[in-house]
């Protein structure tokens, strides 16, 4: 039975999500504060975290960043703010999905199923070390380094980079990247890929040019 942690300071929303999650057979723990979420995640394991962005004392983005220091548990962020900046910031701190309020409980449950399925399946194949010039990808440890310096990548940034690298020289559409990294049943749009590529390029520094934009199609990795 998957364990779901719901963190939202609005009791009605937390109760609504809990009710639907329990109907799906999930074991639910509900909290109303980011501080409590960080504390419980330091001593207990969950299969999924649903986190509200705006909460008193500690907001969801800060809580997510702190949880990411010790855990790769999938995190779905809920927020009444749906600007590109907010979504980019969410992906940068390590969220796996971003849902804007108000939302459909049924769609939320579908997103949870997709994320859990992908996380449990571990779609990134482990095959050793990939070296391209000064870029090195350790697929066993899921680590990426540039000129010997380790990069701090989120799980999605790593998966996008590895998919591009494994298909070096091949143009990949946004839909192909979405399907590979997020899953065929992902409910987001192809702008999600653009946001992840933007974040990834910012971390690759001098090697950002390895990821080529193919206008009107998608992206290609070529050194």
Protein backbone atom coordinates (compact mmCIF):
# COMPACT_ATOMS: atom_id res chain seq x y z
CA UNK A 1 0.00 0.00 0.00
CA UNK A 2 1.74 3.22 -1.15
CA UNK A 3 2.19 5.85 1.56
CA UNK A 4 1.12 9.36 0.58
CA UNK A 5 2.06 12.46 2.58
CA UNK A 6 -0.30 15.41 2.08
CA UNK A 7 0.97 18.80 3.24
CA UNK A 8 -1.58 21.64 2.99
CA UNK A 9 -2.64 24.27 5.49
CA UNK A 10 -6.18 24.37 4.07
CA UNK A 11 -8.10 21.61 5.94
CA UNK A 12 -10.83 21.32 3.29
CA UNK A 13 -8.33 20.71 0.49
CA UNK A 14 -6.27 18.28 2.58
CA UNK A 15 -9.45 16.37 3.49
CA UNK A 16 -10.57 16.27 -0.16
CA UNK A 17 -7.26 14.87 -1.37
CA UNK A 18 -7.13 12.41 1.52
CA UNK A 19 -10.60 11.10 0.73
CA UNK A 20 -9.80 10.46 -2.93
CA UNK A 21 -6.37 8.99 -2.11
CA UNK A 22 -7.84 6.57 0.43
CA UNK A 23 -10.40 5.46 -2.15
CA UNK A 24 -7.48 4.54 -4.39
CA UNK A 25 -6.08 2.39 -1.59
CA UNK A 26 -3.27 4.70 -0.46
CA UNK A 27 -2.21 5.05 3.14
CA UNK A 28 -2.49 8.77 3.89
CA UNK A 29 -0.71 11.02 6.39
CA UNK A 30 -1.87 14.64 6.44
CA UNK A 31 0.03 17.67 7.79
CA UNK A 32 -0.58 21.41 7.64
CA UNK A 33 2.92 22.85 7.78
CA UNK A 34 6.19 22.60 5.87
CA UNK A 35 8.26 22.37 9.03
CA UNK A 36 6.36 19.28 10.15
CA UNK A 37 6.75 17.80 6.67
CA UNK A 38 10.54 18.16 6.74
CA UNK A 39 10.69 16.69 10.22
CA UNK A 40 8.56 13.62 9.45
CA UNK A 41 10.43 12.96 6.19
CA UNK A 42 13.69 12.83 8.16
CA UNK A 43 12.47 9.79 10.10
CA UNK A 44 9.79 8.14 7.93
CA UNK A 45 9.58 7.01 4.32
CA UNK A 46 6.80 7.90 1.90
CA UNK A 47 6.13 6.88 -1.67
CA UNK A 48 4.71 10.26 -2.68
CA UNK A 49 4.43 13.79 -1.27
CA UNK A 50 1.70 16.26 -2.24
CA UNK A 51 2.85 19.69 -1.11
CA UNK A 52 1.05 23.04 -1.10
CA UNK A 53 3.30 25.89 -2.20
CA UNK A 54 1.98 28.65 0.04
CA UNK A 55 1.97 27.79 3.75
CA UNK A 56 2.80 29.72 6.93
CA UNK A 57 6.10 29.29 8.79
CA UNK A 58 7.70 27.29 5.95
CA UNK A 59 6.45 27.39 2.36
CA UNK A 60 6.33 24.35 0.14
CA UNK A 61 9.32 25.36 -2.00
CA UNK A 62 11.58 25.64 1.05
CA UNK A 63 10.26 22.38 2.47
CA UNK A 64 10.84 20.65 -0.88
CA UNK A 65 14.42 21.90 -1.05
CA UNK A 66 15.14 20.62 2.45
CA UNK A 67 13.52 17.23 1.78
CA UNK A 68 15.57 16.91 -1.42
CA UNK A 69 18.77 17.08 0.64
CA UNK A 70 18.12 13.54 1.89
CA UNK A 71 15.31 12.04 -0.21
CA UNK A 72 14.29 11.53 -3.85
CA UNK A 73 10.64 10.81 -2.96
CA UNK A 74 8.40 12.15 -5.77
CA UNK A 75 6.86 15.52 -4.89
CA UNK A 76 3.78 17.01 -6.55
CA UNK A 77 3.40 20.73 -5.85
CA UNK A 78 -0.01 22.39 -5.53
CA UNK A 79 -0.28 26.14 -5.99
CA UNK A 80 -2.79 28.86 -6.78
CA UNK A 81 0.02 30.56 -8.73
CA UNK A 82 0.60 29.10 -12.16
CA UNK A 83 3.03 31.51 -13.80
CA UNK A 84 6.00 30.21 -15.77
CA UNK A 85 8.33 31.62 -13.10
CA UNK A 86 6.55 29.70 -10.32
CA UNK A 87 6.66 26.44 -12.26
CA UNK A 88 10.30 26.91 -13.19
CA UNK A 89 11.18 27.61 -9.60
CA UNK A 90 9.28 24.50 -8.52
CA UNK A 91 11.17 22.29 -10.94
CA UNK A 92 14.44 23.92 -9.90
CA UNK A 93 13.96 22.98 -6.24
CA UNK A 94 13.12 19.41 -7.21
CA UNK A 95 9.37 18.92 -7.67
CA UNK A 96 8.28 16.20 -10.09
CA UNK A 97 4.98 17.76 -11.11
CA UNK A 98 3.18 21.07 -10.63
CA UNK A 99 -0.61 21.38 -10.40
CA UNK A 100 -2.44 24.70 -10.33
CA UNK A 101 -5.41 25.26 -8.03
CA UNK A 102 -8.31 24.81 -8.47
CA UNK A 103 -7.76 21.26 -9.69
CA UNK A 104 -9.75 18.17 -10.53
CA UNK A 105 -9.35 15.51 -7.78
CA UNK A 106 -9.70 12.77 -10.39
CA UNK A 107 -6.95 14.27 -12.56
CA UNK A 108 -4.78 14.66 -9.46
CA UNK A 109 -5.20 10.96 -8.67
CA UNK A 110 -4.29 10.10 -12.27
CA UNK A 111 -1.12 12.20 -12.01
CA UNK A 112 -0.21 10.47 -8.75
CA UNK A 113 -0.60 7.04 -10.38
CA UNK A 114 1.64 8.06 -13.29
CA UNK A 115 4.35 9.45 -11.02
CA UNK A 116 4.29 6.41 -8.74
CA UNK A 117 4.43 4.05 -11.70
CA UNK A 118 7.40 5.84 -13.22
CA UNK A 119 9.24 6.15 -9.93
CA UNK A 120 8.81 2.49 -9.03
CA UNK A 121 9.76 1.33 -12.52
CA UNK A 122 13.01 3.37 -12.46
CA UNK A 123 13.00 4.12 -16.22
CA UNK A 124 16.61 5.24 -16.31
CA UNK A 125 18.68 2.22 -17.25
CA UNK A 126 21.92 1.68 -15.40
CA UNK A 127 24.76 0.99 -17.77
CA UNK A 128 28.00 2.40 -16.37
CA UNK A 129 29.76 5.64 -17.23
CA UNK A 130 29.23 7.88 -20.25
CA UNK A 131 31.98 10.37 -21.11
CA UNK A 132 31.67 13.12 -23.69
CA UNK A 133 34.58 15.54 -23.57
CA UNK A 134 34.51 17.04 -20.05
CA UNK A 135 30.98 15.83 -19.38
CA UNK A 136 30.72 12.58 -17.43
CA UNK A 137 27.55 10.71 -16.47
CA UNK A 138 27.74 7.96 -13.87
CA UNK A 139 24.56 6.00 -14.56
CA UNK A 140 25.17 3.70 -11.61
CA UNK A 141 25.25 6.52 -9.09
CA UNK A 142 23.03 8.89 -11.10
CA UNK A 143 25.75 11.54 -10.89
CA UNK A 144 26.82 14.09 -13.49
CA UNK A 145 30.10 16.00 -13.43
CA UNK A 146 31.73 18.60 -15.65
CA UNK A 147 35.51 18.80 -15.73
CA UNK A 148 35.56 16.80 -12.50
CA UNK A 149 33.04 19.01 -10.69
CA UNK A 150 29.80 17.34 -9.70
CA UNK A 151 26.55 18.99 -10.80
CA UNK A 152 23.48 19.16 -8.58
CA UNK A 153 20.70 17.99 -10.88
CA UNK A 154 17.12 17.12 -10.03
CA UNK A 155 15.85 13.66 -10.94
CA UNK A 156 14.02 15.03 -13.98
CA UNK A 157 17.00 17.08 -15.20
CA UNK A 158 19.17 13.98 -14.94
CA UNK A 159 16.65 11.82 -16.80
CA UNK A 160 16.26 14.40 -19.60
CA UNK A 161 20.04 14.74 -19.99
CA UNK A 162 20.61 10.98 -20.04
CA UNK A 163 17.85 10.46 -22.63
CA UNK A 164 19.35 13.12 -24.89
CA UNK A 165 22.88 11.75 -24.48
CA UNK A 166 21.83 8.16 -25.19
CA UNK A 167 20.26 9.43 -28.42
CA UNK A 168 23.21 11.60 -29.38
CA UNK A 169 22.80 13.10 -32.85
CA UNK A 170 19.10 12.22 -33.02
CA UNK A 171 16.42 14.90 -33.00
CA UNK A 172 13.92 14.16 -30.23
CA UNK A 173 10.51 15.79 -30.21
CA UNK A 174 9.07 17.29 -27.05
CA UNK A 175 6.46 14.53 -27.03
CA UNK A 176 9.17 11.87 -27.18
CA UNK A 177 10.97 13.42 -24.23
CA UNK A 178 7.72 13.76 -22.28
CA UNK A 179 6.82 10.14 -22.94
CA UNK A 180 10.25 8.84 -21.94
CA UNK A 181 10.82 10.93 -18.81
CA UNK A 182 7.30 11.65 -17.55
CA UNK A 183 5.34 8.74 -19.05
CA UNK A 184 2.73 8.31 -21.76
CA UNK A 185 -0.09 9.26 -19.39
CA UNK A 186 1.46 12.54 -18.25
CA UNK A 187 -1.13 15.31 -18.27
CA UNK A 188 1.22 18.27 -18.68
CA UNK A 189 2.12 20.08 -21.91
CA UNK A 190 5.32 20.22 -23.91
CA UNK A 191 6.36 23.48 -22.23
CA UNK A 192 7.37 21.28 -19.31
CA UNK A 193 10.23 20.00 -21.49
CA UNK A 194 11.28 23.54 -22.42
CA UNK A 195 11.42 24.51 -18.72
CA UNK A 196 13.56 21.50 -17.85
CA UNK A 197 15.91 22.14 -20.79
CA UNK A 198 16.29 25.77 -19.71
CA UNK A 199 17.20 24.72 -16.17
CA UNK A 200 19.52 21.99 -17.43
CA UNK A 201 21.39 24.33 -19.75
CA UNK A 202 21.92 26.82 -16.94
CA UNK A 203 23.69 24.09 -14.94
CA UNK A 204 25.77 22.76 -17.84
CA UNK A 205 27.62 26.06 -18.13
CA UNK A 206 30.15 25.98 -20.97
CA UNK A 207 28.60 22.73 -22.19
CA UNK A 208 25.10 24.15 -22.59
CA UNK A 209 25.65 24.33 -26.34
CA UNK A 210 25.65 20.53 -26.52
CA UNK A 211 21.86 20.68 -26.32
CA UNK A 212 20.65 22.05 -29.65
CA UNK A 213 17.17 23.46 -30.17
CA UNK A 214 15.60 22.22 -33.40
CA UNK A 215 13.02 24.89 -34.07
CA UNK A 216 9.50 23.58 -34.41
CA UNK A 217 10.55 20.03 -33.52
CA UNK A 218 12.43 19.56 -30.26
CA UNK A 219 16.01 19.03 -29.13
CA UNK A 220 19.19 17.20 -30.09
CA UNK A 221 22.36 16.45 -28.11
CA UNK A 222 25.50 16.89 -30.17
CA UNK A 223 29.00 17.68 -28.91
